[in-house]
Amino acid sequence: MVGHDKIAKALLRIPYAQSLGVKPLFIGEEFTLIMPYVDSNIGNPTLPALHGGAISGLMEMAAIVQLMIEQEEGQGLPKPIGINVDYLRKGNPKDTYARAVIFKQGSRVANVRVQAWQDDYDKPIAAMHGHYLMAKKD
């Protein structure tokens, strides 16, 4: 299992992670990020619904941290080359989860898919597909 310290260090390197208040969570042995519900993440108070930027930020952080878990110590942050987000359902005002899967990782570029959900993993509220440039050692 991946060390919790490595994940905590990775999240500390992403300032937006502190803004959203994301926390690591293990469901079985799979790494998952949780974005606890806070009022400031609401984008449409009339519905109410989570802001799309908060949802996509959560998914992007899940991808970056998953890539950092897999890379060698001392490498820099992976940088997004291109990201596509599909918003599938309304994000309700409740805790939101995201899990990333690396589909292909080369020496320079990685292909990652992320799914965000609230109550049921099989009913995602959003999905992301991203390409990341892998950083070299600092």
N, C-alpha and C. Protein backbone atom coordinates (compact mmCIF):
# COMPACT_ATOMS: atom_id res chain seq x y z
N MET A 1 0.85 -1.19 0.00
CA MET A 1 0.00 0.00 0.00
C MET A 1 0.89 1.24 0.00
N VAL A 2 0.42 2.27 -0.65
CA VAL A 2 1.14 3.53 -0.74
C VAL A 2 1.19 4.20 0.62
N GLY A 3 2.33 4.82 0.94
CA GLY A 3 2.46 5.51 2.22
C GLY A 3 1.59 6.75 2.29
N HIS A 4 0.91 6.90 3.41
CA HIS A 4 0.05 8.07 3.61
C HIS A 4 0.88 9.35 3.63
N ASP A 5 2.15 9.27 4.09
CA ASP A 5 3.02 10.45 4.12
C ASP A 5 3.27 10.99 2.71
N LYS A 6 3.48 10.09 1.76
CA LYS A 6 3.74 10.51 0.39
C LYS A 6 2.53 11.26 -0.18
N ILE A 7 1.34 10.78 0.13
CA ILE A 7 0.12 11.43 -0.35
C ILE A 7 -0.05 12.79 0.32
N ALA A 8 0.17 12.86 1.62
CA ALA A 8 0.06 14.13 2.35
C ALA A 8 1.04 15.16 1.78
N LYS A 9 2.27 14.74 1.50
CA LYS A 9 3.27 15.64 0.91
C LYS A 9 2.84 16.11 -0.48
N ALA A 10 2.27 15.20 -1.26
CA ALA A 10 1.81 15.57 -2.60
C ALA A 10 0.71 16.62 -2.52
N LEU A 11 -0.24 16.44 -1.60
CA LEU A 11 -1.34 17.41 -1.46
C LEU A 11 -0.84 18.77 -0.97
N LEU A 12 0.19 18.78 -0.13
CA LEU A 12 0.74 20.05 0.35
C LEU A 12 1.38 20.85 -0.78
N ARG A 13 1.78 20.19 -1.85
CA ARG A 13 2.40 20.87 -2.99
C ARG A 13 1.36 21.49 -3.93
N ILE A 14 0.07 21.27 -3.65
CA ILE A 14 -1.00 21.79 -4.50
C ILE A 14 -1.82 22.78 -3.69
N PRO A 15 -1.59 24.09 -3.84
CA PRO A 15 -2.30 25.08 -3.01
C PRO A 15 -3.82 24.99 -3.10
N TYR A 16 -4.37 24.66 -4.27
CA TYR A 16 -5.82 24.58 -4.42
C TYR A 16 -6.40 23.46 -3.56
N ALA A 17 -5.58 22.46 -3.23
CA ALA A 17 -6.04 21.36 -2.37
C ALA A 17 -6.44 21.89 -1.00
N GLN A 18 -5.67 22.85 -0.47
CA GLN A 18 -6.03 23.45 0.81
C GLN A 18 -7.27 24.32 0.69
N SER A 19 -7.43 25.02 -0.43
CA SER A 19 -8.61 25.87 -0.63
C SER A 19 -9.90 25.04 -0.64
N LEU A 20 -9.85 23.88 -1.29
CA LEU A 20 -11.04 23.02 -1.36
C LEU A 20 -11.17 22.13 -0.13
N GLY A 21 -10.08 21.98 0.62
CA GLY A 21 -10.11 21.15 1.81
C GLY A 21 -10.11 19.66 1.52
N VAL A 22 -9.52 19.26 0.38
CA VAL A 22 -9.52 17.83 0.03
C VAL A 22 -8.67 17.03 1.00
N LYS A 23 -9.07 15.78 1.17
CA LYS A 23 -8.37 14.87 2.08
C LYS A 23 -8.24 13.51 1.41
N PRO A 24 -7.12 12.81 1.68
CA PRO A 24 -6.97 11.47 1.12
C PRO A 24 -7.84 10.48 1.88
N LEU A 25 -8.28 9.47 1.17
CA LEU A 25 -9.12 8.43 1.75
C LEU A 25 -8.79 7.13 1.04
N PHE A 26 -8.71 6.05 1.79
CA PHE A 26 -8.50 4.74 1.16
C PHE A 26 -9.79 3.95 1.28
N ILE A 27 -10.28 3.49 0.14
CA ILE A 27 -11.41 2.58 0.10
C ILE A 27 -10.81 1.26 -0.37
N GLY A 28 -10.65 0.34 0.57
CA GLY A 28 -9.86 -0.84 0.29
C GLY A 28 -8.42 -0.39 0.15
N GLU A 29 -7.79 -0.76 -0.94
CA GLU A 29 -6.41 -0.31 -1.18
C GLU A 29 -6.36 0.78 -2.25
N GLU A 30 -7.52 1.25 -2.69
CA GLU A 30 -7.55 2.26 -3.72
C GLU A 30 -7.53 3.66 -3.11
N PHE A 31 -6.65 4.48 -3.68
CA PHE A 31 -6.55 5.87 -3.25
C PHE A 31 -7.72 6.67 -3.81
N THR A 32 -8.38 7.42 -2.94
CA THR A 32 -9.52 8.26 -3.31
C THR A 32 -9.33 9.61 -2.64
N LEU A 33 -9.73 10.66 -3.31
CA LEU A 33 -9.75 11.99 -2.69
C LEU A 33 -11.18 12.32 -2.32
N ILE A 34 -11.35 12.93 -1.16
CA ILE A 34 -12.67 13.38 -0.74
C ILE A 34 -12.64 14.90 -0.60
N MET A 35 -13.66 15.54 -1.14
CA MET A 35 -13.85 16.98 -0.96
C MET A 35 -15.04 17.13 -0.02
N PRO A 36 -14.78 17.36 1.27
CA PRO A 36 -15.89 17.54 2.21
C PRO A 36 -16.74 18.73 1.79
N TYR A 37 -18.05 18.62 2.00
CA TYR A 37 -18.94 19.70 1.62
C TYR A 37 -18.69 20.93 2.48
N VAL A 38 -18.57 22.08 1.82
CA VAL A 38 -18.55 23.39 2.48
C VAL A 38 -19.38 24.33 1.60
N ASP A 39 -20.03 25.29 2.23
CA ASP A 39 -20.90 26.22 1.50
C ASP A 39 -20.18 26.98 0.39
N SER A 40 -18.88 27.25 0.57
CA SER A 40 -18.15 28.04 -0.42
C SER A 40 -17.96 27.29 -1.75
N ASN A 41 -18.23 25.99 -1.79
CA ASN A 41 -18.10 25.23 -3.04
C ASN A 41 -19.40 25.19 -3.85
N ILE A 42 -20.42 25.91 -3.38
CA ILE A 42 -21.69 25.98 -4.11
C ILE A 42 -21.54 26.99 -5.25
N GLY A 43 -21.92 26.57 -6.45
CA GLY A 43 -21.87 27.47 -7.60
C GLY A 43 -23.22 28.09 -7.90
N ASN A 44 -24.29 27.32 -7.69
CA ASN A 44 -25.64 27.83 -7.93
C ASN A 44 -26.46 27.62 -6.67
N PRO A 45 -26.64 28.69 -5.87
CA PRO A 45 -27.38 28.55 -4.62
C PRO A 45 -28.87 28.30 -4.82
N THR A 46 -29.40 28.58 -6.00
CA THR A 46 -30.82 28.37 -6.25
C THR A 46 -31.16 26.87 -6.28
N LEU A 47 -30.27 26.07 -6.85
CA LEU A 47 -30.55 24.63 -6.99
C LEU A 47 -30.51 23.87 -5.66
N PRO A 48 -29.63 23.91 -4.78
CA PRO A 48 -28.21 24.29 -4.84
C PRO A 48 -27.38 23.19 -5.51
N ALA A 49 -26.27 23.61 -6.15
CA ALA A 49 -25.38 22.68 -6.83
C ALA A 49 -23.93 23.10 -6.63
N LEU A 50 -23.06 22.11 -6.57
CA LEU A 50 -21.62 22.39 -6.44
C LEU A 50 -21.14 23.12 -7.69
N HIS A 51 -20.14 23.97 -7.52
CA HIS A 51 -19.53 24.69 -8.63
C HIS A 51 -18.75 23.70 -9.48
N GLY A 52 -18.90 23.81 -10.79
CA GLY A 52 -18.19 22.93 -11.70
C GLY A 52 -16.67 23.02 -11.55
N GLY A 53 -16.18 24.21 -11.21
CA GLY A 53 -14.74 24.38 -11.01
C GLY A 53 -14.23 23.61 -9.81
N ALA A 54 -15.04 23.54 -8.76
CA ALA A 54 -14.65 22.76 -7.58
C ALA A 54 -14.61 21.28 -7.92
N ILE A 55 -15.58 20.81 -8.69
CA ILE A 55 -15.62 19.39 -9.08
C ILE A 55 -14.44 19.06 -9.98
N SER A 56 -14.19 19.90 -10.99
CA SER A 56 -13.07 19.62 -11.90
C SER A 56 -11.73 19.77 -11.18
N GLY A 57 -11.64 20.70 -10.24
CA GLY A 57 -10.41 20.85 -9.45
C GLY A 57 -10.12 19.60 -8.63
N LEU A 58 -11.17 19.05 -8.02
CA LEU A 58 -11.02 17.81 -7.26
C LEU A 58 -10.51 16.69 -8.17
N MET A 59 -11.08 16.56 -9.35
CA MET A 59 -10.67 15.49 -10.26
C MET A 59 -9.24 15.70 -10.76
N GLU A 60 -8.87 16.94 -11.06
CA GLU A 60 -7.51 17.21 -11.51
C GLU A 60 -6.50 16.89 -10.41
N MET A 61 -6.83 17.22 -9.16
CA MET A 61 -5.92 16.89 -8.05
C MET A 61 -5.81 15.40 -7.86
N ALA A 62 -6.91 14.67 -8.04
CA ALA A 62 -6.85 13.21 -7.91
C ALA A 62 -5.90 12.64 -8.96
N ALA A 63 -5.95 13.17 -10.18
CA ALA A 63 -5.05 12.70 -11.24
C ALA A 63 -3.60 13.02 -10.91
N ILE A 64 -3.33 14.25 -10.49
CA ILE A 64 -1.96 14.66 -10.19
C ILE A 64 -1.38 13.85 -9.04
N VAL A 65 -2.15 13.68 -7.97
CA VAL A 65 -1.64 12.92 -6.82
C VAL A 65 -1.42 11.46 -7.21
N GLN A 66 -2.33 10.87 -7.99
CA GLN A 66 -2.14 9.48 -8.42
C GLN A 66 -0.85 9.35 -9.24
N LEU A 67 -0.59 10.31 -10.11
CA LEU A 67 0.65 10.28 -10.89
C LEU A 67 1.87 10.45 -9.98
N MET A 68 1.77 11.32 -8.98
CA MET A 68 2.90 11.53 -8.05
C MET A 68 3.17 10.28 -7.22
N ILE A 69 2.12 9.53 -6.89
CA ILE A 69 2.30 8.28 -6.15
C ILE A 69 3.14 7.31 -6.96
N GLU A 70 2.90 7.30 -8.27
CA GLU A 70 3.57 6.34 -9.15
C GLU A 70 4.98 6.76 -9.56
N GLN A 71 5.31 8.04 -9.43
CA GLN A 71 6.63 8.49 -9.90
C GLN A 71 7.68 8.40 -8.81
N GLU A 72 8.92 8.56 -9.22
CA GLU A 72 10.03 8.51 -8.28
C GLU A 72 10.05 9.75 -7.39
N GLU A 73 10.62 9.58 -6.20
CA GLU A 73 10.76 10.70 -5.26
C GLU A 73 11.63 11.78 -5.89
N GLY A 74 11.27 13.04 -5.68
CA GLY A 74 12.08 14.16 -6.15
C GLY A 74 11.67 14.70 -7.51
N GLN A 75 10.70 14.08 -8.16
CA GLN A 75 10.24 14.63 -9.43
C GLN A 75 9.26 15.76 -9.14
N GLY A 76 9.15 16.68 -10.08
CA GLY A 76 8.24 17.80 -9.91
C GLY A 76 6.80 17.39 -10.15
N LEU A 77 5.90 18.36 -10.06
CA LEU A 77 4.48 18.11 -10.29
C LEU A 77 4.20 17.82 -11.76
N PRO A 78 3.39 16.82 -12.05
CA PRO A 78 2.94 16.62 -13.44
C PRO A 78 2.12 17.84 -13.87
N LYS A 79 2.27 18.21 -15.14
CA LYS A 79 1.57 19.39 -15.65
C LYS A 79 0.53 18.97 -16.69
N PRO A 80 -0.68 19.54 -16.57
CA PRO A 80 -1.72 19.17 -17.55
C PRO A 80 -1.39 19.69 -18.95
N ILE A 81 -1.56 18.82 -19.93
CA ILE A 81 -1.41 19.19 -21.34
C ILE A 81 -2.79 19.48 -21.91
N GLY A 82 -3.71 18.59 -21.62
CA GLY A 82 -5.09 18.75 -22.10
C GLY A 82 -6.03 17.98 -21.19
N ILE A 83 -7.14 18.61 -20.84
CA ILE A 83 -8.12 17.98 -19.94
C ILE A 83 -9.51 18.18 -20.53
N ASN A 84 -10.30 17.11 -20.50
CA ASN A 84 -11.71 17.18 -20.90
C ASN A 84 -12.55 16.70 -19.74
N VAL A 85 -13.56 17.49 -19.37
CA VAL A 85 -14.45 17.13 -18.26
C VAL A 85 -15.87 16.99 -18.80
N ASP A 86 -16.50 15.90 -18.42
CA ASP A 86 -17.92 15.69 -18.73
C ASP A 86 -18.69 15.79 -17.43
N TYR A 87 -19.61 16.75 -17.36
CA TYR A 87 -20.48 16.89 -16.19
C TYR A 87 -21.72 16.05 -16.47
N LEU A 88 -21.95 15.04 -15.66
CA LEU A 88 -22.98 14.05 -15.94
C LEU A 88 -24.25 14.22 -15.11
N ARG A 89 -24.09 14.71 -13.88
CA ARG A 89 -25.22 14.92 -12.97
C ARG A 89 -24.94 16.15 -12.12
N LYS A 90 -25.98 16.67 -11.50
CA LYS A 90 -25.82 17.79 -10.58
C LYS A 90 -25.00 17.34 -9.37
N GLY A 91 -24.03 18.17 -8.98
CA GLY A 91 -23.27 17.92 -7.76
C GLY A 91 -24.07 18.47 -6.58
N ASN A 92 -24.64 17.59 -5.79
CA ASN A 92 -25.44 18.02 -4.64
C ASN A 92 -24.56 18.56 -3.52
N PRO A 93 -25.15 19.33 -2.61
CA PRO A 93 -24.36 19.87 -1.49
C PRO A 93 -24.06 18.78 -0.46
N LYS A 94 -23.06 17.96 -0.78
CA LYS A 94 -22.61 16.88 0.11
C LYS A 94 -21.19 16.50 -0.27
N ASP A 95 -20.57 15.66 0.53
CA ASP A 95 -19.20 15.22 0.26
C ASP A 95 -19.12 14.60 -1.13
N THR A 96 -17.98 14.86 -1.80
CA THR A 96 -17.75 14.37 -3.15
C THR A 96 -16.43 13.62 -3.19
N TYR A 97 -16.39 12.53 -3.93
CA TYR A 97 -15.22 11.66 -4.02
C TYR A 97 -14.70 11.62 -5.44
N ALA A 98 -13.39 11.39 -5.59
CA ALA A 98 -12.79 11.24 -6.92
C ALA A 98 -11.69 10.18 -6.86
N ARG A 99 -11.64 9.38 -7.91
CA ARG A 99 -10.61 8.34 -8.01
C ARG A 99 -10.04 8.37 -9.42
N ALA A 100 -8.70 8.32 -9.51
CA ALA A 100 -8.01 8.36 -10.80
C ALA A 100 -7.44 7.00 -11.15
N VAL A 101 -7.44 6.72 -12.45
CA VAL A 101 -6.83 5.51 -12.98
C VAL A 101 -5.87 5.95 -14.09
N ILE A 102 -4.63 5.50 -13.98
CA ILE A 102 -3.64 5.81 -15.01
C ILE A 102 -3.76 4.73 -16.09
N PHE A 103 -4.10 5.17 -17.31
CA PHE A 103 -4.27 4.21 -18.39
C PHE A 103 -2.98 3.95 -19.13
N LYS A 104 -2.15 4.96 -19.29
CA LYS A 104 -0.85 4.77 -19.92
C LYS A 104 0.09 5.81 -19.37
N GLN A 105 1.24 5.36 -18.93
CA GLN A 105 2.24 6.30 -18.45
C GLN A 105 3.56 5.99 -19.12
N GLY A 106 4.01 6.95 -19.92
CA GLY A 106 5.31 6.84 -20.55
C GLY A 106 6.33 7.64 -19.76
N SER A 107 7.49 7.82 -20.32
CA SER A 107 8.52 8.58 -19.62
C SER A 107 8.23 10.08 -19.65
N ARG A 108 7.43 10.54 -20.61
CA ARG A 108 7.16 11.97 -20.73
C ARG A 108 5.69 12.33 -20.57
N VAL A 109 4.77 11.47 -20.99
CA VAL A 109 3.35 11.79 -20.98
C VAL A 109 2.57 10.66 -20.33
N ALA A 110 1.51 11.04 -19.59
CA ALA A 110 0.62 10.06 -18.97
C ALA A 110 -0.81 10.36 -19.36
N ASN A 111 -1.60 9.32 -19.48
CA ASN A 111 -3.01 9.40 -19.82
C ASN A 111 -3.79 8.93 -18.59
N VAL A 112 -4.65 9.81 -18.04
CA VAL A 112 -5.35 9.53 -16.79
C VAL A 112 -6.84 9.77 -16.97
N ARG A 113 -7.63 8.89 -16.34
CA ARG A 113 -9.09 9.08 -16.30
C ARG A 113 -9.52 9.16 -14.85
N VAL A 114 -10.46 10.05 -14.57
CA VAL A 114 -10.92 10.27 -13.20
C VAL A 114 -12.44 10.26 -13.19
N GLN A 115 -12.98 9.71 -12.13
CA GLN A 115 -14.43 9.71 -11.95
C GLN A 115 -14.75 10.35 -10.60
N ALA A 116 -15.75 11.24 -10.58
CA ALA A 116 -16.21 11.88 -9.34
C ALA A 116 -17.63 11.41 -9.07
N TRP A 117 -17.91 11.11 -7.80
CA TRP A 117 -19.24 10.64 -7.41
C TRP A 117 -19.56 11.12 -6.01
N GLN A 118 -20.81 10.94 -5.61
CA GLN A 118 -21.22 11.34 -4.27
C GLN A 118 -21.74 10.14 -3.49
N ASP A 119 -22.88 9.62 -3.82
CA ASP A 119 -23.45 8.51 -3.05
C ASP A 119 -23.07 7.14 -3.59
N ASP A 120 -22.88 7.05 -4.90
CA ASP A 120 -22.70 5.75 -5.54
C ASP A 120 -21.64 5.87 -6.63
N TYR A 121 -20.57 5.10 -6.52
CA TYR A 121 -19.49 5.12 -7.51
C TYR A 121 -20.03 4.85 -8.91
N ASP A 122 -21.04 4.02 -9.01
CA ASP A 122 -21.60 3.66 -10.31
C ASP A 122 -22.52 4.73 -10.90
N LYS A 123 -22.71 5.84 -10.17
CA LYS A 123 -23.49 6.98 -10.66
C LYS A 123 -22.64 8.24 -10.56
N PRO A 124 -21.64 8.36 -11.44
CA PRO A 124 -20.73 9.52 -11.36
C PRO A 124 -21.43 10.84 -11.66
N ILE A 125 -20.96 11.89 -10.99
CA ILE A 125 -21.48 13.23 -11.30
C ILE A 125 -20.63 13.89 -12.37
N ALA A 126 -19.37 13.42 -12.54
CA ALA A 126 -18.49 13.97 -13.57
C ALA A 126 -17.39 12.96 -13.88
N ALA A 127 -16.84 13.09 -15.08
CA ALA A 127 -15.71 12.25 -15.50
C ALA A 127 -14.70 13.15 -16.20
N MET A 128 -13.43 12.82 -16.03
CA MET A 128 -12.36 13.62 -16.63
C MET A 128 -11.39 12.70 -17.35
N HIS A 129 -10.91 13.16 -18.47
CA HIS A 129 -9.85 12.48 -19.22
C HIS A 129 -8.75 13.51 -19.41
N GLY A 130 -7.54 13.17 -18.98
CA GLY A 130 -6.46 14.14 -19.08
C GLY A 130 -5.15 13.55 -19.55
N HIS A 131 -4.35 14.40 -20.20
CA HIS A 131 -2.99 14.07 -20.58
C HIS A 131 -2.08 14.98 -19.77
N TYR A 132 -1.06 14.39 -19.18
CA TYR A 132 -0.15 15.12 -18.30
C TYR A 132 1.29 14.95 -18.76
N LEU A 133 2.05 16.04 -18.70
CA LEU A 133 3.47 16.01 -18.96
C LEU A 133 4.16 15.65 -17.64
N MET A 134 4.90 14.57 -17.66
CA MET A 134 5.59 14.12 -16.46
C MET A 134 6.83 14.97 -16.24
N ALA A 135 7.01 15.43 -15.01
CA ALA A 135 8.13 16.29 -14.67
C ALA A 135 9.40 15.46 -14.48
N LYS A 136 10.50 16.12 -14.73
CA LYS A 136 11.80 15.50 -14.49
C LYS A 136 12.20 15.76 -13.04
N LYS A 137 13.25 15.13 -12.60
CA LYS A 137 13.72 15.34 -11.22
C LYS A 137 14.06 16.82 -11.01
N ASP A 138 13.68 17.33 -9.80
CA ASP A 138 13.95 18.74 -9.46
C ASP A 138 15.43 19.03 -9.40
